[in-house]
């Protein structure tokens, strides 16, 4: 670099440093203003609580519960702004430190040559202030003052939350506890990373900037891009570990909806029933089950790394901090589920607490069986999870077994257990076939794959292997027949008609229709016609047996079970691990039949005029060219 160019760089850095110092002074004033405003808001909120909550003659005479729960959002927003300003201050501090080091490099106050490794000739303001008032390396007195200020503000905020929580109904208090506790923990973590781990925070910001510049064509930086992508994948995983498994919520909602048709749910209007259903879904599906999946992923991390399709399975990201962060989030999910269960709407608390216990008891049994390679027990335990969701839906909705008996839930358990065996068996069959080149199937995977009578060599292009020719006597098919017959019998109990010869004929018709679809397989419009014709015949038979609108449950449940089964037959294992296709399994089956699309790997292929065409990156169709 020439002296003139070096002098120009020095001038630019000095101007940048001066502007940053001005920004630092403005920030100090902003920081003091935010702290003052937060403390003033807390004082005003405490006065309102004392007057309108503690001073109310009786609960309900003061501020409405919903409004009362939302009032702490104002100081919480100020705390969030304070944390954001603190993060910017940390970046500014380390950036100014870098500028000071660059400005003093090769120079000194006396203009003597600078020796690398020698102390900085002139004092650094950032280093001086950090040595005195910094939270990590500062003087203990100033560090104590900072911690004391933050502790006083947060303690006052927590006391206000407790006062509000003890004067609102249970569900409000539970939701408030989970929501505000999560916000406080998040803000605390952000403040800690931006202060105690300031250098790592600054380095992470550098990596994000490098990745963004690289993405915009400013020069490749694979390390920065990989670090940022790992961070995004980990955050996405922590928020929702298994999004594809949310499709299993259908079993829970089936129990919730059918509870009122199969029996009685006394003392609940529609609004209360809806609140209970959504509350139970959050506690069980979003919190308890997702925490159980995180536990499974931590336990099986080493095994999942060796899976041939580890990236497609979307399991725990393989980073250094993943297991620890996952364990913390799983613990938070369990705690949040317990708090929400304890504060659940009237009539569902016991069901939710028992449900959480059963989920983790079943999970513990599954983990033990899996690590001891007890294949038969693993299959049984996996299938039991399906009827468990259905029964939890019944219990949460308030199904009264004393008035309705155990026949309906018994048939439901049989139907959903059989459906579980069918879908799990189909999934493992597809997995074994797609990974057989890299990982020859063993154990139950091998047994299911041999029953399917699939070719040993992987065809190219690789299309859904179970489309046609899947033997009727395989375990998944036999389980599916049991599932359809059982669900039709259960649906019949939702009608006012008594069991008769017509009811028996209806169950036989549904079973025969399912058998015909199994033998036919996925054959385009022929399968569409067979499915539609079967649905029409079953609907007519159901109304002949029970001329009542509730008879629609019979064809509806049969169609869901049959459509779910056919979606597996029309898919590959890669397609099943795609979140969109898994959540909309029945829709995928329809799309495949109507449009002739096939998802295989990361490619979308269709059959057009007898030829295979591939959807390219530009969104247009071109001739399919098999890979070598």
Foldseek 3Di string as FASTA:
>chain_A
DDPVVVVVVLVVLVVVLVVLVVVVVVLVVVLVVLLVVLVVLLVVLVVLCVCFPVVAPAFPRGDALVVLLCSLVVSLVSLVVNLVSLLVVLLSLVVSVVSVCVNQVQAAPVRDGDDPPDDRRDDDPSVVCCCDQACANHDPVNVVVVVVSVVVSVVSSVVSLVSSLVRHALLSNLVSCLVVVVSVVVSVVSNCCCGNVSVVSNVLVVLVVLLVCVVVVNDDDVVSVVVVVLVVLLVVCLQFVALLCCLLLVLLVLLQVCLVLLAHQPPDDPVRSVQLSVLLCCLVPRQLVRLLLLVVCLLCVVVLVPQPPSVLLRHQRPDPCRNVSSNVSSVSSNVSSLSSLCSDPPQQNVLSVVLSVVSVVLSVQLSVCVVVVVQVVNLQSQLQVSLSSSVSSSRSSRRDCVGRPCLLSVLSSLLSSLLRSLVVLLLLLLSQLVCCVPPHDDDSSNVSVVQQVFDSDQDWVHFQRLQADGDCPGSNNVSLLSNLLSQLLSLLSSAPFDDDPLSVVLSVLLSVLLSVLSNNGQDAVVSVVSLVVSLVVSLVSLCVRGVDVSSNSNSVVSSVSSLLSNLSSRAHSSQCSDSVCSSVSSVSSVCCRVFVWYDDHPWIWHQDPNFIWTQDPVRDIDGDDTDD
